[in-house]
């Protein structure tokens, strides 16, 4: 096995361990969103909390978005971000190839 393959395997194992170990190490932990955590902390510190504004889609639809729609929007946003990053990284690789050919 080449050095690059060994490095890739070790890094993949580390990634899996970093993702799995906290699930077992933190018994009884709640994994919630940061939006709710912020409002809860403000209520603990200051008392009553009223948000400054409501989200645009909640106002347009006269109610809260279903969880599936929120997840879909989040996934689309993530996909767009990953696509942009991959495009930029690809441009760097191609630029390096073209510069080495000159």
PDB file of N, CA and C in Angstrom:
ATOM      1  N   UNK A   1       0.855  -1.171   0.000  1.00  0.00           N
ATOM      2  CA  UNK A   1       0.000   0.000   0.000  1.00  0.00           C
ATOM      3  C   UNK A   1       0.904   1.238   0.000  1.00  0.00           C
ATOM      4  N   UNK A   2       0.572   2.202  -0.839  1.00  0.00           N
ATOM      5  CA  UNK A   2       1.411   3.394  -0.944  1.00  0.00           C
ATOM      6  C   UNK A   2       1.199   4.313   0.259  1.00  0.00           C
ATOM      7  N   UNK A   3       2.092   5.265   0.397  1.00  0.00           N
ATOM      8  CA  UNK A   3       2.041   6.195   1.524  1.00  0.00           C
ATOM      9  C   UNK A   3       0.765   7.038   1.478  1.00  0.00           C
ATOM     10  N   UNK A   4       0.359   7.442   0.266  1.00  0.00           N
ATOM     11  CA  UNK A   4      -0.861   8.244   0.130  1.00  0.00           C
ATOM     12  C   UNK A   4      -2.107   7.473   0.545  1.00  0.00           C
ATOM     13  N   UNK A   5      -2.158   6.188   0.185  1.00  0.00           N
ATOM     14  CA  UNK A   5      -3.316   5.368   0.562  1.00  0.00           C
ATOM     15  C   UNK A   5      -3.360   5.176   2.071  1.00  0.00           C
ATOM     16  N   UNK A   6      -2.190   4.939   2.685  1.00  0.00           N
ATOM     17  CA  UNK A   6      -2.147   4.782   4.142  1.00  0.00           C
ATOM     18  C   UNK A   6      -2.613   6.052   4.832  1.00  0.00           C
ATOM     19  N   UNK A   7      -2.164   7.188   4.333  1.00  0.00           N
ATOM     20  CA  UNK A   7      -2.581   8.469   4.914  1.00  0.00           C
ATOM     21  C   UNK A   7      -4.082   8.656   4.766  1.00  0.00           C
ATOM     22  N   UNK A   8      -4.624   8.333   3.620  1.00  0.00           N
ATOM     23  CA  UNK A   8      -6.063   8.480   3.388  1.00  0.00           C
ATOM     24  C   UNK A   8      -6.864   7.571   4.315  1.00  0.00           C
ATOM     25  N   UNK A   9      -6.416   6.344   4.497  1.00  0.00           N
ATOM     26  CA  UNK A   9      -7.122   5.406   5.374  1.00  0.00           C
ATOM     27  C   UNK A   9      -7.079   5.896   6.821  1.00  0.00           C
ATOM     28  N   UNK A  10      -5.927   6.358   7.271  1.00  0.00           N
ATOM     29  CA  UNK A  10      -5.808   6.858   8.642  1.00  0.00           C
ATOM     30  C   UNK A  10      -6.703   8.072   8.844  1.00  0.00           C
ATOM     31  N   UNK A  11      -6.726   8.976   7.880  1.00  0.00           N
ATOM     32  CA  UNK A  11      -7.578  10.158   7.996  1.00  0.00           C
ATOM     33  C   UNK A  11      -9.064   9.802   7.992  1.00  0.00           C
ATOM     34  N   UNK A  12      -9.457   8.836   7.170  1.00  0.00           N
ATOM     35  CA  UNK A  12     -10.857   8.395   7.172  1.00  0.00           C
ATOM     36  C   UNK A  12     -11.249   7.783   8.507  1.00  0.00           C
ATOM     37  N   UNK A  13     -10.357   6.996   9.082  1.00  0.00           N
ATOM     38  CA  UNK A  13     -10.632   6.405  10.399  1.00  0.00           C
ATOM     39  C   UNK A  13     -10.775   7.504  11.449  1.00  0.00           C
ATOM     40  N   UNK A  14      -9.905   8.508  11.406  1.00  0.00           N
ATOM     41  CA  UNK A  14      -9.998   9.623  12.345  1.00  0.00           C
ATOM     42  C   UNK A  14     -11.316  10.384  12.191  1.00  0.00           C
ATOM     43  N   UNK A  15     -11.742  10.599  10.964  1.00  0.00           N
ATOM     44  CA  UNK A  15     -13.009  11.300  10.726  1.00  0.00           C
ATOM     45  C   UNK A  15     -14.177  10.517  11.316  1.00  0.00           C
ATOM     46  N   UNK A  16     -14.184   9.219  11.100  1.00  0.00           N
ATOM     47  CA  UNK A  16     -15.258   8.381  11.642  1.00  0.00           C
ATOM     48  C   UNK A  16     -15.233   8.417  13.171  1.00  0.00           C
ATOM     49  N   UNK A  17     -14.061   8.339  13.758  1.00  0.00           N
ATOM     50  CA  UNK A  17     -13.958   8.387  15.218  1.00  0.00           C
ATOM     51  C   UNK A  17     -14.424   9.724  15.772  1.00  0.00           C
ATOM     52  N   UNK A  18     -14.054  10.810  15.107  1.00  0.00           N
ATOM     53  CA  UNK A  18     -14.484  12.134  15.564  1.00  0.00           C
ATOM     54  C   UNK A  18     -16.003  12.267  15.482  1.00  0.00           C
ATOM     55  N   UNK A  19     -16.619  11.632  14.510  1.00  0.00           N
ATOM     56  CA  UNK A  19     -18.071  11.721  14.363  1.00  0.00           C
ATOM     57  C   UNK A  19     -18.813  10.802  15.328  1.00  0.00           C
ATOM     58  N   UNK A  20     -18.236   9.636  15.649  1.00  0.00           N
ATOM     59  CA  UNK A  20     -18.958   8.630  16.426  1.00  0.00           C
ATOM     60  C   UNK A  20     -18.719   8.750  17.925  1.00  0.00           C
ATOM     61  N   UNK A  21     -17.519   9.052  18.352  1.00  0.00           N
ATOM     62  CA  UNK A  21     -17.193   9.069  19.781  1.00  0.00           C
ATOM     63  C   UNK A  21     -18.078  10.019  20.586  1.00  0.00           C
ATOM     64  N   UNK A  22     -18.347  11.246  20.133  1.00  0.00           N
ATOM     65  CA  UNK A  22     -19.212  12.120  20.940  1.00  0.00           C
ATOM     66  C   UNK A  22     -20.617  11.565  21.159  1.00  0.00           C
ATOM     67  N   UNK A  23     -21.118  10.770  20.229  1.00  0.00           N
ATOM     68  CA  UNK A  23     -22.461  10.206  20.408  1.00  0.00           C
ATOM     69  C   UNK A  23     -22.521   9.264  21.601  1.00  0.00           C
ATOM     70  N   UNK A  24     -21.437   8.547  21.857  1.00  0.00           N
ATOM     71  CA  UNK A  24     -21.414   7.610  22.979  1.00  0.00           C
ATOM     72  C   UNK A  24     -20.856   8.242  24.242  1.00  0.00           C
ATOM     73  N   UNK A  25     -20.009   9.238  24.119  1.00  0.00           N
ATOM     74  CA  UNK A  25     -19.378   9.862  25.279  1.00  0.00           C
ATOM     75  C   UNK A  25     -20.337  10.800  26.013  1.00  0.00           C
ATOM     76  N   UNK A  26     -21.260  11.406  25.297  1.00  0.00           N
ATOM     77  CA  UNK A  26     -22.172  12.373  25.895  1.00  0.00           C
ATOM     78  C   UNK A  26     -23.544  11.747  26.118  1.00  0.00           C
ATOM     79  N   UNK A  27     -23.649  10.929  27.148  1.00  0.00           N
ATOM     80  CA  UNK A  27     -24.920  10.265  27.466  1.00  0.00           C
ATOM     81  C   UNK A  27     -25.956  11.295  27.914  1.00  0.00           C
ATOM     82  N   UNK A  28     -27.140  11.220  27.341  1.00  0.00           N
ATOM     83  CA  UNK A  28     -28.240  12.096  27.733  1.00  0.00           C
ATOM     84  C   UNK A  28     -28.136  13.518  27.203  1.00  0.00           C
ATOM     85  N   UNK A  29     -27.191  13.775  26.327  1.00  0.00           N
ATOM     86  CA  UNK A  29     -27.048  15.122  25.772  1.00  0.00           C
ATOM     87  C   UNK A  29     -28.132  15.359  24.722  1.00  0.00           C
ATOM     88  N   UNK A  30     -28.583  16.600  24.643  1.00  0.00           N
ATOM     89  CA  UNK A  30     -29.576  16.969  23.650  1.00  0.00           C
ATOM     90  C   UNK A  30     -28.880  17.756  22.550  1.00  0.00           C
ATOM     91  N   UNK A  31     -29.101  17.338  21.317  1.00  0.00           N
ATOM     92  CA  UNK A  31     -28.523  18.037  20.187  1.00  0.00           C
ATOM     93  C   UNK A  31     -29.615  18.874  19.553  1.00  0.00           C
ATOM     94  N   UNK A  32     -29.648  20.157  19.877  1.00  0.00           N
ATOM     95  CA  UNK A  32     -30.668  21.048  19.355  1.00  0.00           C
ATOM     96  C   UNK A  32     -30.059  22.156  18.528  1.00  0.00           C
ATOM     97  N   UNK A  33     -30.917  22.970  17.972  1.00  0.00           N
ATOM     98  CA  UNK A  33     -30.447  24.059  17.138  1.00  0.00           C
ATOM     99  C   UNK A  33     -29.941  25.239  17.950  1.00  0.00           C
ATOM    100  N   UNK A  34     -29.125  26.047  17.350  1.00  0.00           N
ATOM    101  CA  UNK A  34     -28.559  27.199  18.049  1.00  0.00           C
ATOM    102  C   UNK A  34     -29.588  28.323  18.199  1.00  0.00           C
ATOM    103  N   UNK A  35     -30.581  28.364  17.336  1.00  0.00           N
ATOM    104  CA  UNK A  35     -31.599  29.408  17.450  1.00  0.00           C
ATOM    105  C   UNK A  35     -32.346  29.290  18.772  1.00  0.00           C
ATOM    106  N   UNK A  36     -32.770  28.091  19.100  1.00  0.00           N
ATOM    107  CA  UNK A  36     -33.504  27.877  20.344  1.00  0.00           C
ATOM    108  C   UNK A  36     -32.598  28.062  21.555  1.00  0.00           C
ATOM    109  N   UNK A  37     -31.350  27.639  21.458  1.00  0.00           N
ATOM    110  CA  UNK A  37     -30.428  27.754  22.586  1.00  0.00           C
ATOM    111  C   UNK A  37     -30.181  29.223  22.931  1.00  0.00           C
ATOM    112  N   UNK A  38     -30.075  30.060  21.926  1.00  0.00           N
ATOM    113  CA  UNK A  38     -29.849  31.488  22.178  1.00  0.00           C
ATOM    114  C   UNK A  38     -31.008  32.133  22.914  1.00  0.00           C
ATOM    115  N   UNK A  39     -32.225  31.858  22.474  1.00  0.00           N
ATOM    116  CA  UNK A  39     -33.383  32.459  23.138  1.00  0.00           C
ATOM    117  C   UNK A  39     -33.557  31.928  24.547  1.00  0.00           C
ATOM    118  N   UNK A  40     -33.229  30.666  24.782  1.00  0.00           N
ATOM    119  CA  UNK A  40     -33.329  30.099  26.128  1.00  0.00           C
ATOM    120  C   UNK A  40     -32.331  30.782  27.068  1.00  0.00           C
ATOM    121  N   UNK A  41     -31.105  30.997  26.607  1.00  0.00           N
ATOM    122  CA  UNK A  41     -30.094  31.657  27.438  1.00  0.00           C
ATOM    123  C   UNK A  41     -30.487  33.103  27.743  1.00  0.00           C
ATOM    124  N   UNK A  42     -31.043  33.805  26.757  1.00  0.00           N
ATOM    125  CA  UNK A  42     -31.470  35.194  26.988  1.00  0.00           C
ATOM    126  C   UNK A  42     -32.574  35.224  28.029  1.00  0.00           C
ATOM    127  N   UNK A  43     -33.517  34.276  27.958  1.00  0.00           N
ATOM    128  CA  UNK A  43     -34.589  34.220  28.951  1.00  0.00           C
ATOM    129  C   UNK A  43     -34.055  33.926  30.341  1.00  0.00           C
ATOM    130  N   UNK A  44     -33.027  33.072  30.441  1.00  0.00           N
ATOM    131  CA  UNK A  44     -32.426  32.777  31.746  1.00  0.00           C
ATOM    132  C   UNK A  44     -31.745  34.009  32.336  1.00  0.00           C
ATOM    133  N   UNK A  45     -31.055  34.771  31.485  1.00  0.00           N
ATOM    134  CA  UNK A  45     -30.276  35.910  31.964  1.00  0.00           C
ATOM    135  C   UNK A  45     -31.155  37.125  32.232  1.00  0.00           C
ATOM    136  N   UNK A  46     -32.050  37.445  31.298  1.00  0.00           N
ATOM    137  CA  UNK A  46     -32.756  38.713  31.357  1.00  0.00           C
ATOM    138  C   UNK A  46     -34.243  38.593  31.681  1.00  0.00           C
ATOM    139  N   UNK A  47     -34.806  37.433  31.595  1.00  0.00           N
ATOM    140  CA  UNK A  47     -36.232  37.303  31.829  1.00  0.00           C
ATOM    141  C   UNK A  47     -36.974  37.063  30.535  1.00  0.00           C
ATOM    142  N   UNK A  48     -38.014  37.855  30.302  1.00  0.00           N
ATOM    143  CA  UNK A  48     -38.840  37.651  29.102  1.00  0.00           C
ATOM    144  C   UNK A  48     -38.082  38.057  27.843  1.00  0.00           C
ATOM    145  N   UNK A  49     -38.256  37.272  26.792  1.00  0.00           N
ATOM    146  CA  UNK A  49     -37.565  37.515  25.524  1.00  0.00           C
ATOM    147  C   UNK A  49     -38.586  37.605  24.406  1.00  0.00           C
ATOM    148  N   UNK A  50     -38.530  38.685  23.644  1.00  0.00           N
ATOM    149  CA  UNK A  50     -39.362  38.810  22.449  1.00  0.00           C
ATOM    150  C   UNK A  50     -38.447  39.028  21.251  1.00  0.00           C
ATOM    151  N   UNK A  51     -38.575  38.208  20.209  1.00  0.00           N
ATOM    152  CA  UNK A  51     -37.705  38.362  19.036  1.00  0.00           C
ATOM    153  C   UNK A  51     -37.930  39.706  18.348  1.00  0.00           C
ATOM    154  N   UNK A  52     -36.883  40.217  17.695  1.00  0.00           N
ATOM    155  CA  UNK A  52     -36.963  41.491  17.000  1.00  0.00           C
ATOM    156  C   UNK A  52     -37.767  41.393  15.719  1.00  0.00           C
ATOM    157  N   UNK A  53     -37.717  40.246  15.071  1.00  0.00           N
ATOM    158  CA  UNK A  53     -38.414  40.079  13.802  1.00  0.00           C
ATOM    159  C   UNK A  53     -38.797  38.618  13.633  1.00  0.00           C
ATOM    160  N   UNK A  54     -39.656  38.354  12.653  1.00  0.00           N
ATOM    161  CA  UNK A  54     -40.008  36.976  12.322  1.00  0.00           C
ATOM    162  C   UNK A  54     -39.388  36.627  10.979  1.00  0.00           C
ATOM    163  N   UNK A  55     -39.047  35.361  10.769  1.00  0.00           N
ATOM    164  CA  UNK A  55     -38.457  34.978   9.482  1.00  0.00           C
ATOM    165  C   UNK A  55     -39.381  35.304   8.310  1.00  0.00           C
ATOM    166  N   UNK A  56     -38.773  35.612   7.167  1.00  0.00           N
ATOM    167  CA  UNK A  56     -39.520  36.064   5.990  1.00  0.00           C
ATOM    168  C   UNK A  56     -40.514  35.002   5.518  1.00  0.00           C
ATOM    169  N   UNK A  57     -40.073  33.752   5.432  1.00  0.00           N
ATOM    170  CA  UNK A  57     -40.976  32.705   4.950  1.00  0.00           C
ATOM    171  C   UNK A  57     -42.121  32.432   5.930  1.00  0.00           C
ATOM    172  N   UNK A  58     -41.878  32.594   7.222  1.00  0.00           N
ATOM    173  CA  UNK A  58     -42.968  32.409   8.185  1.00  0.00           C
ATOM    174  C   UNK A  58     -44.023  33.494   8.033  1.00  0.00           C
ATOM    175  N   UNK A  59     -43.609  34.704   7.728  1.00  0.00           N
ATOM    176  CA  UNK A  59     -44.582  35.789   7.523  1.00  0.00           C
ATOM    177  C   UNK A  59     -45.350  35.580   6.221  1.00  0.00           C
ATOM    178  N   UNK A  60     -44.650  35.115   5.180  1.00  0.00           N
ATOM    179  CA  UNK A  60     -45.301  34.922   3.888  1.00  0.00           C
ATOM    180  C   UNK A  60     -46.309  33.782   3.934  1.00  0.00           C
ATOM    181  N   UNK A  61     -46.030  32.740   4.712  1.00  0.00           N
ATOM    182  CA  UNK A  61     -46.911  31.579   4.768  1.00  0.00           C
ATOM    183  C   UNK A  61     -47.889  31.617   5.927  1.00  0.00           C
ATOM    184  N   UNK A  62     -47.870  32.677   6.717  1.00  0.00           N
ATOM    185  CA  UNK A  62     -48.737  32.815   7.898  1.00  0.00           C
ATOM    186  C   UNK A  62     -48.601  31.635   8.853  1.00  0.00           C
ATOM    187  N   UNK A  63     -47.394  31.231   9.120  1.00  0.00           N
ATOM    188  CA  UNK A  63     -47.158  30.140  10.063  1.00  0.00           C
ATOM    189  C   UNK A  63     -45.747  29.616   9.926  1.00  0.00           C
ATOM    190  N   UNK A  64     -45.426  28.671  10.789  1.00  0.00           N
ATOM    191  CA  UNK A  64     -44.082  28.117  10.789  1.00  0.00           C
ATOM    192  C   UNK A  64     -43.908  27.089   9.672  1.00  0.00           C
ATOM    193  N   UNK A  65     -42.712  27.029   9.117  1.00  0.00           N
ATOM    194  CA  UNK A  65     -42.403  26.049   8.071  1.00  0.00           C
ATOM    195  C   UNK A  65     -42.347  24.647   8.659  1.00  0.00           C
ATOM    196  N   UNK A  66     -42.816  23.649   7.922  1.00  0.00           N
ATOM    197  CA  UNK A  66     -42.644  22.271   8.389  1.00  0.00           C
ATOM    198  C   UNK A  66     -41.161  21.904   8.446  1.00  0.00           C
ATOM    199  N   UNK A  67     -40.808  20.980   9.301  1.00  0.00           N
ATOM    200  CA  UNK A  67     -39.418  20.571   9.466  1.00  0.00           C
ATOM    201  C   UNK A  67     -38.790  20.045   8.192  1.00  0.00           C
ATOM    202  N   UNK A  68     -39.592  19.346   7.374  1.00  0.00           N
ATOM    203  CA  UNK A  68     -39.060  18.794   6.127  1.00  0.00           C
ATOM    204  C   UNK A  68     -38.653  19.898   5.160  1.00  0.00           C
ATOM    205  N   UNK A  69     -39.437  20.969   5.109  1.00  0.00           N
ATOM    206  CA  UNK A  69     -39.127  22.079   4.211  1.00  0.00           C
ATOM    207  C   UNK A  69     -37.876  22.803   4.695  1.00  0.00           C
ATOM    208  N   UNK A  70     -37.758  22.995   6.004  1.00  0.00           N
ATOM    209  CA  UNK A  70     -36.555  23.622   6.552  1.00  0.00           C
ATOM    210  C   UNK A  70     -35.325  22.785   6.227  1.00  0.00           C
ATOM    211  N   UNK A  71     -35.437  21.463   6.368  1.00  0.00           N
ATOM    212  CA  UNK A  71     -34.319  20.578   6.047  1.00  0.00           C
ATOM    213  C   UNK A  71     -33.972  20.653   4.566  1.00  0.00           C
ATOM    214  N   UNK A  72     -34.984  20.707   3.714  1.00  0.00           N
ATOM    215  CA  UNK A  72     -34.748  20.808   2.274  1.00  0.00           C
ATOM    216  C   UNK A  72     -34.007  22.095   1.928  1.00  0.00           C
ATOM    217  N   UNK A  73     -34.459  23.219   2.488  1.00  0.00           N
ATOM    218  CA  UNK A  73     -33.809  24.495   2.216  1.00  0.00           C
ATOM    219  C   UNK A  73     -32.367  24.470   2.720  1.00  0.00           C
ATOM    220  N   UNK A  74     -32.152  23.894   3.899  1.00  0.00           N
ATOM    221  CA  UNK A  74     -30.799  23.796   4.444  1.00  0.00           C
ATOM    222  C   UNK A  74     -29.910  22.938   3.549  1.00  0.00           C
ATOM    223  N   UNK A  75     -30.437  21.821   3.052  1.00  0.00           N
ATOM    224  CA  UNK A  75     -29.651  20.945   2.178  1.00  0.00           C
ATOM    225  C   UNK A  75     -29.324  21.622   0.853  1.00  0.00           C
ATOM    226  N   UNK A  76     -30.271  22.361   0.285  1.00  0.00           N
ATOM    227  CA  UNK A  76     -30.006  23.083  -0.959  1.00  0.00           C
ATOM    228  C   UNK A  76     -28.927  24.144  -0.732  1.00  0.00           C
ATOM    229  N   UNK A  77     -29.027  24.849   0.383  1.00  0.00           N
ATOM    230  CA  UNK A  77     -28.031  25.858   0.719  1.00  0.00           C
ATOM    231  C   UNK A  77     -26.650  25.218   0.886  1.00  0.00           C
ATOM    232  N   UNK A  78     -26.595  24.074   1.542  1.00  0.00           N
ATOM    233  CA  UNK A  78     -25.333  23.363   1.719  1.00  0.00           C
ATOM    234  C   UNK A  78     -24.776  22.908   0.376  1.00  0.00           C
ATOM    235  N   UNK A  79     -25.630  22.388  -0.490  1.00  0.00           N
ATOM    236  CA  UNK A  79     -25.194  21.938  -1.807  1.00  0.00           C
ATOM    237  C   UNK A  79     -24.624  23.071  -2.644  1.00  0.00           C
ATOM    238  N   UNK A  80     -25.256  24.236  -2.581  1.00  0.00           N
ATOM    239  CA  UNK A  80     -24.745  25.391  -3.318  1.00  0.00           C
ATOM    240  C   UNK A  80     -23.375  25.792  -2.783  1.00  0.00           C
ATOM    241  N   UNK A  81     -23.224  25.811  -1.472  1.00  0.00           N
ATOM    242  CA  UNK A  81     -21.940  26.172  -0.872  1.00  0.00           C
ATOM    243  C   UNK A  81     -20.842  25.191  -1.235  1.00  0.00           C
ATOM    244  N   UNK A  82     -21.145  23.903  -1.173  1.00  0.00           N
ATOM    245  CA  UNK A  82     -20.157  22.885  -1.529  1.00  0.00           C
ATOM    246  C   UNK A  82     -19.801  22.991  -3.008  1.00  0.00           C
ATOM    247  N   UNK A  83     -20.783  23.256  -3.853  1.00  0.00           N
ATOM    248  CA  UNK A  83     -20.518  23.424  -5.284  1.00  0.00           C
ATOM    249  C   UNK A  83     -19.579  24.587  -5.555  1.00  0.00           C
ATOM    250  N   UNK A  84     -19.785  25.690  -4.860  1.00  0.00           N
ATOM    251  CA  UNK A  84     -18.918  26.856  -5.043  1.00  0.00           C
ATOM    252  C   UNK A  84     -17.494  26.545  -4.581  1.00  0.00           C
ATOM    253  N   UNK A  85     -17.378  25.913  -3.416  1.00  0.00           N
ATOM    254  CA  UNK A  85     -16.046  25.565  -2.903  1.00  0.00           C
ATOM    255  C   UNK A  85     -15.355  24.582  -3.838  1.00  0.00           C
ATOM    256  N   UNK A  86     -16.081  23.568  -4.332  1.00  0.00           N
ATOM    257  CA  UNK A  86     -15.478  22.586  -5.242  1.00  0.00           C
ATOM    258  C   UNK A  86     -15.049  23.254  -6.549  1.00  0.00           C
ATOM    259  N   UNK A  87     -15.850  24.192  -7.046  1.00  0.00           N
ATOM    260  CA  UNK A  87     -15.484  24.906  -8.265  1.00  0.00           C
ATOM    261  C   UNK A  87     -14.189  25.683  -8.072  1.00  0.00           C
ATOM    262  N   UNK A  88     -14.090  26.397  -6.966  1.00  0.00           N
ATOM    263  CA  UNK A  88     -12.887  27.189  -6.697  1.00  0.00           C
ATOM    264  C   UNK A  88     -11.668  26.286  -6.534  1.00  0.00           C
ATOM    265  N   UNK A  89     -11.816  25.180  -5.807  1.00  0.00           N
ATOM    266  CA  UNK A  89     -10.696  24.251  -5.634  1.00  0.00           C
ATOM    267  C   UNK A  89     -10.296  23.644  -6.977  1.00  0.00           C
ATOM    268  N   UNK A  90     -11.252  23.324  -7.822  1.00  0.00           N
ATOM    269  CA  UNK A  90     -10.953  22.798  -9.150  1.00  0.00           C
ATOM    270  C   UNK A  90     -10.201  23.805 -10.004  1.00  0.00           C
ATOM    271  N   UNK A  91     -10.581  25.069  -9.882  1.00  0.00           N
ATOM    272  CA  UNK A  91      -9.873  26.115 -10.623  1.00  0.00           C
ATOM    273  C   UNK A  91      -8.417  26.206 -10.178  1.00  0.00           C
ATOM    274  N   UNK A  92      -8.172  26.089  -8.876  1.00  0.00           N
ATOM    275  CA  UNK A  92      -6.800  26.131  -8.376  1.00  0.00           C
ATOM    276  C   UNK A  92      -5.976  24.964  -8.924  1.00  0.00           C
ATOM    277  N   UNK A  93      -6.582  23.776  -8.949  1.00  0.00           N
ATOM    278  CA  UNK A  93      -5.872  22.603  -9.454  1.00  0.00           C
ATOM    279  C   UNK A  93      -5.566  22.772 -10.938  1.00  0.00           C
ATOM    280  N   UNK A  94      -6.552  23.205 -11.704  1.00  0.00           N
ATOM    281  CA  UNK A  94      -6.339  23.382 -13.139  1.00  0.00           C
ATOM    282  C   UNK A  94      -5.307  24.485 -13.417  1.00  0.00           C
ATOM    283  N   UNK A  95      -5.353  25.550 -12.646  1.00  0.00           N
ATOM    284  CA  UNK A  95      -4.378  26.630 -12.825  1.00  0.00           C
ATOM    285  C   UNK A  95      -2.959  26.101 -12.590  1.00  0.00           C
ATOM    286  N   UNK A  96      -2.817  25.273 -11.556  1.00  0.00           N
ATOM    287  CA  UNK A  96      -1.507  24.710 -11.251  1.00  0.00           C
ATOM    288  C   UNK A  96      -1.035  23.797 -12.394  1.00  0.00           C
ATOM    289  N   UNK A  97      -1.954  23.014 -12.963  1.00  0.00           N
ATOM    290  CA  UNK A  97      -1.591  22.145 -14.096  1.00  0.00           C
ATOM    291  C   UNK A  97      -1.157  22.969 -15.297  1.00  0.00           C
ATOM    292  N   UNK A  98      -1.904  24.030 -15.614  1.00  0.00           N
ATOM    293  CA  UNK A  98      -1.573  24.856 -16.776  1.00  0.00           C
ATOM    294  C   UNK A  98      -0.268  25.605 -16.578  1.00  0.00           C
ATOM    295  N   UNK A  99       0.009  26.035 -15.363  1.00  0.00           N
ATOM    296  CA  UNK A  99       1.261  26.740 -15.088  1.00  0.00           C
ATOM    297  C   UNK A  99       2.463  25.807 -15.182  1.00  0.00           C
ATOM    298  N   UNK A 100       2.278  24.555 -14.789  1.00  0.00           N
ATOM    299  CA  UNK A 100       3.395  23.605 -14.844  1.00  0.00           C
ATOM    300  C   UNK A 100       3.682  23.183 -16.300  1.00  0.00           C
ATOM    301  N   UNK A 101       2.714  23.330 -17.204  1.00  0.00           N
ATOM    302  CA  UNK A 101       2.906  22.964 -18.605  1.00  0.00           C
ATOM    303  C   UNK A 101       3.669  24.044 -19.382  1.00  0.00           C
ATOM    304  N   UNK A 102       3.637  25.251 -18.882  1.00  0.00           N
ATOM    305  CA  UNK A 102       4.282  26.368 -19.599  1.00  0.00           C
ATOM    306  C   UNK A 102       5.775  26.374 -19.437  1.00  0.00           C
TER     307      UNK A 102
END
